[in-house]
Amino acid sequence: MRFQPHEQVVIAAALRALASGDGKRFDDLLWLGLGDRAQDAYSHLEAKALIDNPTSISAIRLSPKGHAALAHLNASSRVA
C-alpha cells in the first residue's frame, strides 16, 4: 500500500505520539489527518508489525519494529 506524502507526514506524527505512549492521540491523529484512509493506515501498520494490540486504543503500543521504523523516519527527515 502506498500513501501520499501528506499522508506519510500524518502517519509519522501519529507514530511519534504512540512512541510516547499516547494511544488516544495516535488514533486521533490518524482519523483527523486521514479520514477514511485511517483504517487503511491501521491495517498497513498492523500488517507490517509496526504496532501491537491495535484493537484497543488504551493497549496499543509501538512494536520494536515500529520504533526502528520511526527512528529511520526521524533520521531521514532531518535537515543537514
PDB file of N, CA and C in Angstrom:
ATOM      1  N   MET A   1       0.845  -1.172   0.000  1.00  0.00           N
ATOM      2  CA  MET A   1       0.000   0.000   0.000  1.00  0.00           C
ATOM      3  C   MET A   1       0.896   1.242   0.000  1.00  0.00           C
ATOM      4  N   ARG A   2       0.516   2.191  -0.798  1.00  0.00           N
ATOM      5  CA  ARG A   2       1.273   3.444  -0.899  1.00  0.00           C
ATOM      6  C   ARG A   2       0.443   4.566  -0.304  1.00  0.00           C
ATOM      7  N   PHE A   3       1.122   5.421   0.430  1.00  0.00           N
ATOM      8  CA  PHE A   3       0.487   6.604   0.991  1.00  0.00           C
ATOM      9  C   PHE A   3       1.116   7.831   0.368  1.00  0.00           C
ATOM     10  N   GLN A   4       0.305   8.837   0.148  1.00  0.00           N
ATOM     11  CA  GLN A   4       0.774  10.109  -0.407  1.00  0.00           C
ATOM     12  C   GLN A   4       1.692  10.786   0.611  1.00  0.00           C
ATOM     13  N   PRO A   5       2.570  11.687   0.146  1.00  0.00           N
ATOM     14  CA  PRO A   5       3.491  12.348   1.080  1.00  0.00           C
ATOM     15  C   PRO A   5       2.801  13.019   2.272  1.00  0.00           C
ATOM     16  N   HIS A   6       1.680  13.697   2.035  1.00  0.00           N
ATOM     17  CA  HIS A   6       0.992  14.339   3.163  1.00  0.00           C
ATOM     18  C   HIS A   6       0.419  13.300   4.130  1.00  0.00           C
ATOM     19  N   GLU A   7       0.046  12.140   3.615  1.00  0.00           N
ATOM     20  CA  GLU A   7      -0.438  11.067   4.473  1.00  0.00           C
ATOM     21  C   GLU A   7       0.714  10.475   5.295  1.00  0.00           C
ATOM     22  N   GLN A   8       1.875  10.386   4.693  1.00  0.00           N
ATOM     23  CA  GLN A   8       3.050   9.874   5.390  1.00  0.00           C
ATOM     24  C   GLN A   8       3.423  10.777   6.561  1.00  0.00           C
ATOM     25  N   VAL A   9       3.269  12.080   6.381  1.00  0.00           N
ATOM     26  CA  VAL A   9       3.545  13.034   7.463  1.00  0.00           C
ATOM     27  C   VAL A   9       2.593  12.787   8.629  1.00  0.00           C
ATOM     28  N   VAL A  10       1.332  12.571   8.324  1.00  0.00           N
ATOM     29  CA  VAL A  10       0.327  12.294   9.358  1.00  0.00           C
ATOM     30  C   VAL A  10       0.666  10.993  10.086  1.00  0.00           C
ATOM     31  N   ILE A  11       1.006   9.968   9.347  1.00  0.00           N
ATOM     32  CA  ILE A  11       1.328   8.676   9.947  1.00  0.00           C
ATOM     33  C   ILE A  11       2.566   8.794  10.836  1.00  0.00           C
ATOM     34  N   ALA A  12       3.568   9.513  10.395  1.00  0.00           N
ATOM     35  CA  ALA A  12       4.780   9.704  11.198  1.00  0.00           C
ATOM     36  C   ALA A  12       4.448  10.440  12.500  1.00  0.00           C
ATOM     37  N   ALA A  13       3.618  11.460  12.426  1.00  0.00           N
ATOM     38  CA  ALA A  13       3.221  12.196  13.635  1.00  0.00           C
ATOM     39  C   ALA A  13       2.451  11.281  14.585  1.00  0.00           C
ATOM     40  N   ALA A  14       1.597  10.451  14.034  1.00  0.00           N
ATOM     41  CA  ALA A  14       0.834   9.517  14.862  1.00  0.00           C
ATOM     42  C   ALA A  14       1.762   8.503  15.526  1.00  0.00           C
ATOM     43  N   LEU A  15       2.747   8.017  14.791  1.00  0.00           N
ATOM     44  CA  LEU A  15       3.699   7.062  15.370  1.00  0.00           C
ATOM     45  C   LEU A  15       4.517   7.717  16.479  1.00  0.00           C
ATOM     46  N   ARG A  16       4.850   8.993  16.316  1.00  0.00           N
ATOM     47  CA  ARG A  16       5.579   9.702  17.378  1.00  0.00           C
ATOM     48  C   ARG A  16       4.727   9.782  18.647  1.00  0.00           C
ATOM     49  N   ALA A  17       3.441  10.043  18.487  1.00  0.00           N
ATOM     50  CA  ALA A  17       2.540  10.077  19.642  1.00  0.00           C
ATOM     51  C   ALA A  17       2.490   8.708  20.309  1.00  0.00           C
ATOM     52  N   LEU A  18       2.431   7.680  19.501  1.00  0.00           N
ATOM     53  CA  LEU A  18       2.374   6.325  20.041  1.00  0.00           C
ATOM     54  C   LEU A  18       3.677   5.968  20.753  1.00  0.00           C
ATOM     55  N   ALA A  19       4.797   6.417  20.213  1.00  0.00           N
ATOM     56  CA  ALA A  19       6.092   6.154  20.840  1.00  0.00           C
ATOM     57  C   ALA A  19       6.171   6.773  22.232  1.00  0.00           C
ATOM     58  N   SER A  20       5.446   7.866  22.439  1.00  0.00           N
ATOM     59  CA  SER A  20       5.434   8.493  23.764  1.00  0.00           C
ATOM     60  C   SER A  20       4.350   7.895  24.658  1.00  0.00           C
ATOM     61  N   GLY A  21       3.673   6.856  24.168  1.00  0.00           N
ATOM     62  CA  GLY A  21       2.689   6.143  24.970  1.00  0.00           C
ATOM     63  C   GLY A  21       1.279   6.689  24.894  1.00  0.00           C
ATOM     64  N   ASP A  22       1.014   7.553  23.932  1.00  0.00           N
ATOM     65  CA  ASP A  22      -0.306   8.184  23.834  1.00  0.00           C
ATOM     66  C   ASP A  22      -1.129   7.559  22.701  1.00  0.00           C
ATOM     67  N   GLY A  23      -1.770   6.436  23.016  1.00  0.00           N
ATOM     68  CA  GLY A  23      -2.576   5.731  22.024  1.00  0.00           C
ATOM     69  C   GLY A  23      -3.773   6.535  21.548  1.00  0.00           C
ATOM     70  N   LYS A  24      -4.368   7.315  22.440  1.00  0.00           N
ATOM     71  CA  LYS A  24      -5.520   8.141  22.060  1.00  0.00           C
ATOM     72  C   LYS A  24      -5.110   9.191  21.037  1.00  0.00           C
ATOM     73  N   ARG A  25      -3.987   9.854  21.280  1.00  0.00           N
ATOM     74  CA  ARG A  25      -3.507  10.871  20.318  1.00  0.00           C
ATOM     75  C   ARG A  25      -3.151  10.215  18.984  1.00  0.00           C
ATOM     76  N   PHE A  26      -2.537   9.040  19.037  1.00  0.00           N
ATOM     77  CA  PHE A  26      -2.229   8.280  17.827  1.00  0.00           C
ATOM     78  C   PHE A  26      -3.500   8.089  16.996  1.00  0.00           C
ATOM     79  N   ASP A  27      -4.530   7.597  17.656  1.00  0.00           N
ATOM     80  CA  ASP A  27      -5.806   7.346  16.982  1.00  0.00           C
ATOM     81  C   ASP A  27      -6.403   8.646  16.437  1.00  0.00           C
ATOM     82  N   ASP A  28      -6.404   9.682  17.256  1.00  0.00           N
ATOM     83  CA  ASP A  28      -6.952  10.975  16.816  1.00  0.00           C
ATOM     84  C   ASP A  28      -6.214  11.519  15.606  1.00  0.00           C
ATOM     85  N   LEU A  29      -4.884  11.471  15.647  1.00  0.00           N
ATOM     86  CA  LEU A  29      -4.097  11.993  14.520  1.00  0.00           C
ATOM     87  C   LEU A  29      -4.405  11.238  13.226  1.00  0.00           C
ATOM     88  N   LEU A  30      -4.508   9.924  13.321  1.00  0.00           N
ATOM     89  CA  LEU A  30      -4.820   9.151  12.111  1.00  0.00           C
ATOM     90  C   LEU A  30      -6.196   9.502  11.564  1.00  0.00           C
ATOM     91  N   TRP A  31      -7.225   9.509  12.428  1.00  0.00           N
ATOM     92  CA  TRP A  31      -8.580   9.755  11.944  1.00  0.00           C
ATOM     93  C   TRP A  31      -8.772  11.192  11.477  1.00  0.00           C
ATOM     94  N   LEU A  32      -8.226  12.143  12.218  1.00  0.00           N
ATOM     95  CA  LEU A  32      -8.385  13.542  11.814  1.00  0.00           C
ATOM     96  C   LEU A  32      -7.547  13.876  10.578  1.00  0.00           C
ATOM     97  N   GLY A  33      -6.370  13.269  10.492  1.00  0.00           N
ATOM     98  CA  GLY A  33      -5.467  13.573   9.381  1.00  0.00           C
ATOM     99  C   GLY A  33      -5.751  12.802   8.106  1.00  0.00           C
ATOM    100  N   LEU A  34      -6.312  11.596   8.245  1.00  0.00           N
ATOM    101  CA  LEU A  34      -6.502  10.738   7.074  1.00  0.00           C
ATOM    102  C   LEU A  34      -7.954  10.461   6.734  1.00  0.00           C
ATOM    103  N   GLY A  35      -8.852  10.745   7.649  1.00  0.00           N
ATOM    104  CA  GLY A  35     -10.262  10.470   7.386  1.00  0.00           C
ATOM    105  C   GLY A  35     -10.484   8.995   7.142  1.00  0.00           C
ATOM    106  N   ASP A  36     -11.167   8.675   6.060  1.00  0.00           N
ATOM    107  CA  ASP A  36     -11.489   7.287   5.735  1.00  0.00           C
ATOM    108  C   ASP A  36     -10.261   6.422   5.495  1.00  0.00           C
ATOM    109  N   ARG A  37      -9.129   7.039   5.182  1.00  0.00           N
ATOM    110  CA  ARG A  37      -7.893   6.264   4.943  1.00  0.00           C
ATOM    111  C   ARG A  37      -7.227   5.825   6.246  1.00  0.00           C
ATOM    112  N   ALA A  38      -7.748   6.289   7.389  1.00  0.00           N
ATOM    113  CA  ALA A  38      -7.162   5.893   8.673  1.00  0.00           C
ATOM    114  C   ALA A  38      -7.210   4.377   8.846  1.00  0.00           C
ATOM    115  N   GLN A  39      -8.296   3.752   8.455  1.00  0.00           N
ATOM    116  CA  GLN A  39      -8.399   2.297   8.592  1.00  0.00           C
ATOM    117  C   GLN A  39      -7.356   1.605   7.719  1.00  0.00           C
ATOM    118  N   ASP A  40      -7.092   2.158   6.537  1.00  0.00           N
ATOM    119  CA  ASP A  40      -6.029   1.605   5.682  1.00  0.00           C
ATOM    120  C   ASP A  40      -4.679   1.704   6.390  1.00  0.00           C
ATOM    121  N   ALA A  41      -4.436   2.836   7.059  1.00  0.00           N
ATOM    122  CA  ALA A  41      -3.179   3.028   7.777  1.00  0.00           C
ATOM    123  C   ALA A  41      -3.066   2.030   8.922  1.00  0.00           C
ATOM    124  N   TYR A  42      -4.141   1.862   9.688  1.00  0.00           N
ATOM    125  CA  TYR A  42      -4.131   0.877  10.771  1.00  0.00           C
ATOM    126  C   TYR A  42      -3.797  -0.511  10.219  1.00  0.00           C
ATOM    127  N   SER A  43      -4.469  -0.898   9.161  1.00  0.00           N
ATOM    128  CA  SER A  43      -4.243  -2.222   8.569  1.00  0.00           C
ATOM    129  C   SER A  43      -2.811  -2.383   8.101  1.00  0.00           C
ATOM    130  N   HIS A  44      -2.284  -1.345   7.474  1.00  0.00           N
ATOM    131  CA  HIS A  44      -0.910  -1.386   6.967  1.00  0.00           C
ATOM    132  C   HIS A  44       0.086  -1.496   8.121  1.00  0.00           C
ATOM    133  N   LEU A  45      -0.096  -0.675   9.157  1.00  0.00           N
ATOM    134  CA  LEU A  45       0.816  -0.693  10.297  1.00  0.00           C
ATOM    135  C   LEU A  45       0.764  -2.037  11.021  1.00  0.00           C
ATOM    136  N   GLU A  46      -0.415  -2.614  11.105  1.00  0.00           N
ATOM    137  CA  GLU A  46      -0.553  -3.927  11.732  1.00  0.00           C
ATOM    138  C   GLU A  46       0.081  -5.014  10.862  1.00  0.00           C
ATOM    139  N   ALA A  47      -0.168  -4.971   9.561  1.00  0.00           N
ATOM    140  CA  ALA A  47       0.392  -5.975   8.651  1.00  0.00           C
ATOM    141  C   ALA A  47       1.921  -5.937   8.634  1.00  0.00           C
ATOM    142  N   LYS A  48       2.480  -4.761   8.773  1.00  0.00           N
ATOM    143  CA  LYS A  48       3.937  -4.601   8.797  1.00  0.00           C
ATOM    144  C   LYS A  48       4.520  -4.816  10.198  1.00  0.00           C
ATOM    145  N   ALA A  49       3.662  -5.154  11.161  1.00  0.00           N
ATOM    146  CA  ALA A  49       4.056  -5.414  12.552  1.00  0.00           C
ATOM    147  C   ALA A  49       4.726  -4.204  13.199  1.00  0.00           C
ATOM    148  N   LEU A  50       4.232  -3.002  12.864  1.00  0.00           N
ATOM    149  CA  LEU A  50       4.773  -1.790  13.459  1.00  0.00           C
ATOM    150  C   LEU A  50       4.030  -1.404  14.733  1.00  0.00           C
ATOM    151  N   ILE A  51       2.817  -1.940  14.896  1.00  0.00           N
ATOM    152  CA  ILE A  51       2.034  -1.674  16.103  1.00  0.00           C
ATOM    153  C   ILE A  51       1.582  -2.995  16.711  1.00  0.00           C
ATOM    154  N   ASP A  52       1.426  -2.968  18.039  1.00  0.00           N
ATOM    155  CA  ASP A  52       0.923  -4.121  18.785  1.00  0.00           C
ATOM    156  C   ASP A  52      -0.399  -3.749  19.438  1.00  0.00           C
ATOM    157  N   ASN A  53      -1.297  -4.708  19.587  1.00  0.00           N
ATOM    158  CA  ASN A  53      -2.594  -4.528  20.239  1.00  0.00           C
ATOM    159  C   ASN A  53      -3.448  -3.440  19.592  1.00  0.00           C
ATOM    160  N   PRO A  54      -3.626  -3.457  18.274  1.00  0.00           N
ATOM    161  CA  PRO A  54      -4.375  -2.386  17.612  1.00  0.00           C
ATOM    162  C   PRO A  54      -5.878  -2.398  17.872  1.00  0.00           C
ATOM    163  N   THR A  55      -6.375  -3.392  18.579  1.00  0.00           N
ATOM    164  CA  THR A  55      -7.820  -3.461  18.815  1.00  0.00           C
ATOM    165  C   THR A  55      -8.280  -2.598  19.979  1.00  0.00           C
ATOM    166  N   SER A  56      -7.351  -2.091  20.778  1.00  0.00           N
ATOM    167  CA  SER A  56      -7.706  -1.262  21.926  1.00  0.00           C
ATOM    168  C   SER A  56      -6.801  -0.035  21.991  1.00  0.00           C
ATOM    169  N   ILE A  57      -7.395   1.141  21.943  1.00  0.00           N
ATOM    170  CA  ILE A  57      -6.609   2.379  21.979  1.00  0.00           C
ATOM    171  C   ILE A  57      -5.769   2.458  23.241  1.00  0.00           C
ATOM    172  N   SER A  58      -6.314   1.988  24.350  1.00  0.00           N
ATOM    173  CA  SER A  58      -5.581   2.070  25.610  1.00  0.00           C
ATOM    174  C   SER A  58      -4.428   1.073  25.687  1.00  0.00           C
ATOM    175  N   ALA A  59      -4.475   0.024  24.872  1.00  0.00           N
ATOM    176  CA  ALA A  59      -3.433  -1.008  24.914  1.00  0.00           C
ATOM    177  C   ALA A  59      -2.473  -0.932  23.733  1.00  0.00           C
ATOM    178  N   ILE A  60      -2.783  -0.149  22.727  1.00  0.00           N
ATOM    179  CA  ILE A  60      -1.950  -0.109  21.525  1.00  0.00           C
ATOM    180  C   ILE A  60      -0.550   0.397  21.863  1.00  0.00           C
ATOM    181  N   ARG A  61       0.434  -0.235  21.272  1.00  0.00           N
ATOM    182  CA  ARG A  61       1.833   0.113  21.513  1.00  0.00           C
ATOM    183  C   ARG A  61       2.602   0.077  20.200  1.00  0.00           C
ATOM    184  N   LEU A  62       3.673   0.826  20.172  1.00  0.00           N
ATOM    185  CA  LEU A  62       4.595   0.771  19.045  1.00  0.00           C
ATOM    186  C   LEU A  62       5.493  -0.440  19.271  1.00  0.00           C
ATOM    187  N   SER A  63       5.574  -1.322  18.297  1.00  0.00           N
ATOM    188  CA  SER A  63       6.387  -2.523  18.426  1.00  0.00           C
ATOM    189  C   SER A  63       7.869  -2.162  18.288  1.00  0.00           C
ATOM    190  N   PRO A  64       8.765  -3.087  18.631  1.00  0.00           N
ATOM    191  CA  PRO A  64      10.188  -2.817  18.406  1.00  0.00           C
ATOM    192  C   PRO A  64      10.486  -2.480  16.936  1.00  0.00           C
ATOM    193  N   LYS A  65       9.812  -3.170  16.038  1.00  0.00           N
ATOM    194  CA  LYS A  65       9.978  -2.876  14.608  1.00  0.00           C
ATOM    195  C   LYS A  65       9.450  -1.468  14.296  1.00  0.00           C
ATOM    196  N   GLY A  66       8.381  -1.069  14.969  1.00  0.00           N
ATOM    197  CA  GLY A  66       7.830   0.273  14.802  1.00  0.00           C
ATOM    198  C   GLY A  66       8.779   1.338  15.309  1.00  0.00           C
ATOM    199  N   HIS A  67       9.445   1.070  16.438  1.00  0.00           N
ATOM    200  CA  HIS A  67      10.439   2.015  16.961  1.00  0.00           C
ATOM    201  C   HIS A  67      11.582   2.200  15.962  1.00  0.00           C
ATOM    202  N   ALA A  68      12.021   1.105  15.354  1.00  0.00           N
ATOM    203  CA  ALA A  68      13.096   1.184  14.362  1.00  0.00           C
ATOM    204  C   ALA A  68      12.648   1.982  13.140  1.00  0.00           C
ATOM    205  N   ALA A  69      11.417   1.739  12.690  1.00  0.00           N
ATOM    206  CA  ALA A  69      10.894   2.476  11.533  1.00  0.00           C
ATOM    207  C   ALA A  69      10.766   3.961  11.847  1.00  0.00           C
ATOM    208  N   LEU A  70      10.329   4.283  13.062  1.00  0.00           N
ATOM    209  CA  LEU A  70      10.199   5.681  13.459  1.00  0.00           C
ATOM    210  C   LEU A  70      11.565   6.351  13.550  1.00  0.00           C
ATOM    211  N   ALA A  71      12.557   5.654  14.070  1.00  0.00           N
ATOM    212  CA  ALA A  71      13.918   6.204  14.124  1.00  0.00           C
ATOM    213  C   ALA A  71      14.425   6.501  12.718  1.00  0.00           C
ATOM    214  N   HIS A  72      14.131   5.602  11.790  1.00  0.00           N
ATOM    215  CA  HIS A  72      14.526   5.819  10.392  1.00  0.00           C
ATOM    216  C   HIS A  72      13.806   7.030   9.800  1.00  0.00           C
ATOM    217  N   LEU A  73      12.523   7.152  10.077  1.00  0.00           N
ATOM    218  CA  LEU A  73      11.757   8.313   9.602  1.00  0.00           C
ATOM    219  C   LEU A  73      12.316   9.614  10.172  1.00  0.00           C
ATOM    220  N   ASN A  74      12.616   9.614  11.462  1.00  0.00           N
ATOM    221  CA  ASN A  74      13.154  10.806  12.099  1.00  0.00           C
ATOM    222  C   ASN A  74      14.507  11.181  11.522  1.00  0.00           C
ATOM    223  N   ALA A  75      15.355  10.187  11.289  1.00  0.00           N
ATOM    224  CA  ALA A  75      16.679  10.457  10.734  1.00  0.00           C
ATOM    225  C   ALA A  75      16.597  10.954   9.299  1.00  0.00           C
ATOM    226  N   SER A  76      15.681  10.405   8.520  1.00  0.00           N
ATOM    227  CA  SER A  76      15.583  10.806   7.114  1.00  0.00           C
ATOM    228  C   SER A  76      14.920  12.162   6.943  1.00  0.00           C
ATOM    229  N   SER A  77      14.227  12.643   7.990  1.00  0.00           N
ATOM    230  CA  SER A  77      13.557  13.940   7.850  1.00  0.00           C
ATOM    231  C   SER A  77      14.392  15.083   8.405  1.00  0.00           C
ATOM    232  N   ARG A  78      15.548  14.786   8.967  1.00  0.00           N
ATOM    233  CA  ARG A  78      16.421  15.843   9.494  1.00  0.00           C
ATOM    234  C   ARG A  78      17.057  16.622   8.368  1.00  0.00           C
ATOM    235  N   VAL A  79      17.184  17.901   8.578  1.00  0.00           N
ATOM    236  CA  VAL A  79      17.846  18.763   7.592  1.00  0.00           C
ATOM    237  C   VAL A  79      19.300  18.920   8.009  1.00  0.00           C
ATOM    238  N   ALA A  80      20.190  18.761   7.068  1.00  0.00           N
ATOM    239  CA  ALA A  80      21.630  18.850   7.366  1.00  0.00           C
ATOM    240  C   ALA A  80      22.051  20.283   7.637  1.00  0.00           C
TER     241      ALA A  80
END
